Amino acid sequence: GATIVDMVRKIEAVTVGLTVADDPKCSKIRAEMTRRLAALSQAQRQASRDFDRVELGQGGNLQKLILALVNGG
């Protein structure tokens, strides 16, 4: 849940109050918002990959938990 709350706060920070002058069809603001949200999305995906690599990788917490379960310790 904390990850989602953090993402929502970041989305709000980069979109609330965003304006683009002389954009009656909202095409410029749509492009700018898409660019900003894409950057947030890519950062979140990278953070998720980094977490998975550490936690699920060799010597990570998941491996330790499984070994403890299998070895009875």
C-alpha atoms as a PDB file:
ATOM      1  CA  GLY A   1       0.000   0.000   0.000  1.00  0.00           C
ATOM      2  CA  ALA A   2       2.800   2.437   0.801  1.00  0.00           C
ATOM      3  CA  THR A   3       4.198   2.129  -2.723  1.00  0.00           C
ATOM      4  CA  ILE A   4       0.856   3.070  -4.251  1.00  0.00           C
ATOM      5  CA  VAL A   5       0.404   6.011  -1.876  1.00  0.00           C
ATOM      6  CA  ASP A   6       3.903   7.221  -2.770  1.00  0.00           C
ATOM      7  CA  MET A   7       3.157   6.904  -6.490  1.00  0.00           C
ATOM      8  CA  VAL A   8      -0.104   8.847  -6.129  1.00  0.00           C
ATOM      9  CA  ARG A   9       1.719  11.633  -4.295  1.00  0.00           C
ATOM     10  CA  LYS A  10       4.328  11.817  -7.038  1.00  0.00           C
ATOM     11  CA  ILE A  11       1.618  11.908  -9.711  1.00  0.00           C
ATOM     12  CA  GLU A  12      -0.145  14.711  -7.862  1.00  0.00           C
ATOM     13  CA  ALA A  13       3.119  16.623  -7.498  1.00  0.00           C
ATOM     14  CA  VAL A  14       3.819  16.613 -11.239  1.00  0.00           C
ATOM     15  CA  THR A  15       0.260  17.125 -12.509  1.00  0.00           C
ATOM     16  CA  VAL A  16      -1.780  19.230 -10.086  1.00  0.00           C
ATOM     17  CA  GLY A  17      -1.745  22.820 -11.265  1.00  0.00           C
ATOM     18  CA  LEU A  18      -0.045  21.992 -14.560  1.00  0.00           C
ATOM     19  CA  THR A  19      -0.993  24.495 -17.239  1.00  0.00           C
ATOM     20  CA  VAL A  20       0.110  25.169 -20.777  1.00  0.00           C
ATOM     21  CA  ALA A  21      -0.631  28.504 -22.395  1.00  0.00           C
ATOM     22  CA  ASP A  22      -2.431  28.748 -25.717  1.00  0.00           C
ATOM     23  CA  ASP A  23      -3.628  25.140 -25.782  1.00  0.00           C
ATOM     24  CA  PRO A  24      -7.387  25.207 -26.520  1.00  0.00           C
ATOM     25  CA  LYS A  25      -7.511  21.557 -27.606  1.00  0.00           C
ATOM     26  CA  CYS A  26      -5.359  20.448 -24.630  1.00  0.00           C
ATOM     27  CA  SER A  27      -2.916  18.701 -26.939  1.00  0.00           C
ATOM     28  CA  LYS A  28       0.181  20.386 -25.519  1.00  0.00           C
ATOM     29  CA  ILE A  29      -0.766  19.734 -21.909  1.00  0.00           C
ATOM     30  CA  ARG A  30      -1.693  16.147 -22.738  1.00  0.00           C
ATOM     31  CA  ALA A  31       1.744  15.594 -24.273  1.00  0.00           C
ATOM     32  CA  GLU A  32       3.485  17.216 -21.305  1.00  0.00           C
ATOM     33  CA  MET A  33       1.467  15.221 -18.788  1.00  0.00           C
ATOM     34  CA  THR A  34       2.159  11.998 -20.693  1.00  0.00           C
ATOM     35  CA  ARG A  35       5.880  12.772 -20.679  1.00  0.00           C
ATOM     36  CA  ARG A  36       5.896  13.434 -16.928  1.00  0.00           C
ATOM     37  CA  LEU A  37       3.799  10.384 -16.078  1.00  0.00           C
ATOM     38  CA  ALA A  38       5.910   8.163 -18.332  1.00  0.00           C
ATOM     39  CA  ALA A  39       9.026   9.261 -16.447  1.00  0.00           C
ATOM     40  CA  LEU A  40       7.374   8.394 -13.124  1.00  0.00           C
ATOM     41  CA  SER A  41       6.243   5.046 -14.469  1.00  0.00           C
ATOM     42  CA  GLN A  42       9.710   4.170 -15.733  1.00  0.00           C
ATOM     43  CA  ALA A  43      11.262   5.120 -12.384  1.00  0.00           C
ATOM     44  CA  GLN A  44       8.740   2.955 -10.525  1.00  0.00           C
ATOM     45  CA  ARG A  45       9.383   0.008 -12.839  1.00  0.00           C
ATOM     46  CA  GLN A  46      13.127   0.335 -12.342  1.00  0.00           C
ATOM     47  CA  ALA A  47      12.691   0.474  -8.565  1.00  0.00           C
ATOM     48  CA  SER A  48      10.562  -2.667  -8.757  1.00  0.00           C
ATOM     49  CA  ARG A  49      13.194  -4.471 -10.838  1.00  0.00           C
ATOM     50  CA  ASP A  50      15.917  -3.403  -8.390  1.00  0.00           C
ATOM     51  CA  PHE A  51      13.859  -4.659  -5.437  1.00  0.00           C
ATOM     52  CA  ASP A  52      13.181  -7.994  -7.142  1.00  0.00           C
ATOM     53  CA  ARG A  53      16.845  -8.457  -8.035  1.00  0.00           C
ATOM     54  CA  VAL A  54      17.901  -7.942  -4.414  1.00  0.00           C
ATOM     55  CA  GLU A  55      15.055  -9.692  -2.606  1.00  0.00           C
ATOM     56  CA  LEU A  56      14.564 -12.599  -5.015  1.00  0.00           C
ATOM     57  CA  GLY A  57      18.179 -13.034  -6.076  1.00  0.00           C
ATOM     58  CA  GLN A  58      21.018 -15.150  -4.778  1.00  0.00           C
ATOM     59  CA  GLY A  59      21.333 -14.584  -1.021  1.00  0.00           C
ATOM     60  CA  GLY A  60      18.159 -12.494  -0.946  1.00  0.00           C
ATOM     61  CA  ASN A  61      15.477 -12.670   1.697  1.00  0.00           C
ATOM     62  CA  LEU A  62      13.266 -15.061  -0.259  1.00  0.00           C
ATOM     63  CA  GLN A  63      16.096 -17.540  -0.695  1.00  0.00           C
ATOM     64  CA  LYS A  64      16.927 -17.275   3.020  1.00  0.00           C
ATOM     65  CA  LEU A  65      13.297 -17.907   3.982  1.00  0.00           C
ATOM     66  CA  ILE A  66      13.046 -20.956   1.722  1.00  0.00           C
ATOM     67  CA  LEU A  67      16.319 -22.382   3.005  1.00  0.00           C
ATOM     68  CA  ALA A  68      15.190 -21.845   6.588  1.00  0.00           C
ATOM     69  CA  LEU A  69      11.920 -23.636   5.841  1.00  0.00           C
ATOM     70  CA  VAL A  70      13.617 -26.541   4.035  1.00  0.00           C
ATOM     71  CA  ASN A  71      16.372 -26.888   6.611  1.00  0.00           C
ATOM     72  CA  GLY A  72      14.035 -26.523   9.589  1.00  0.00           C
ATOM     73  CA  GLY A  73      15.800 -23.482  10.913  1.00  0.00           C
END
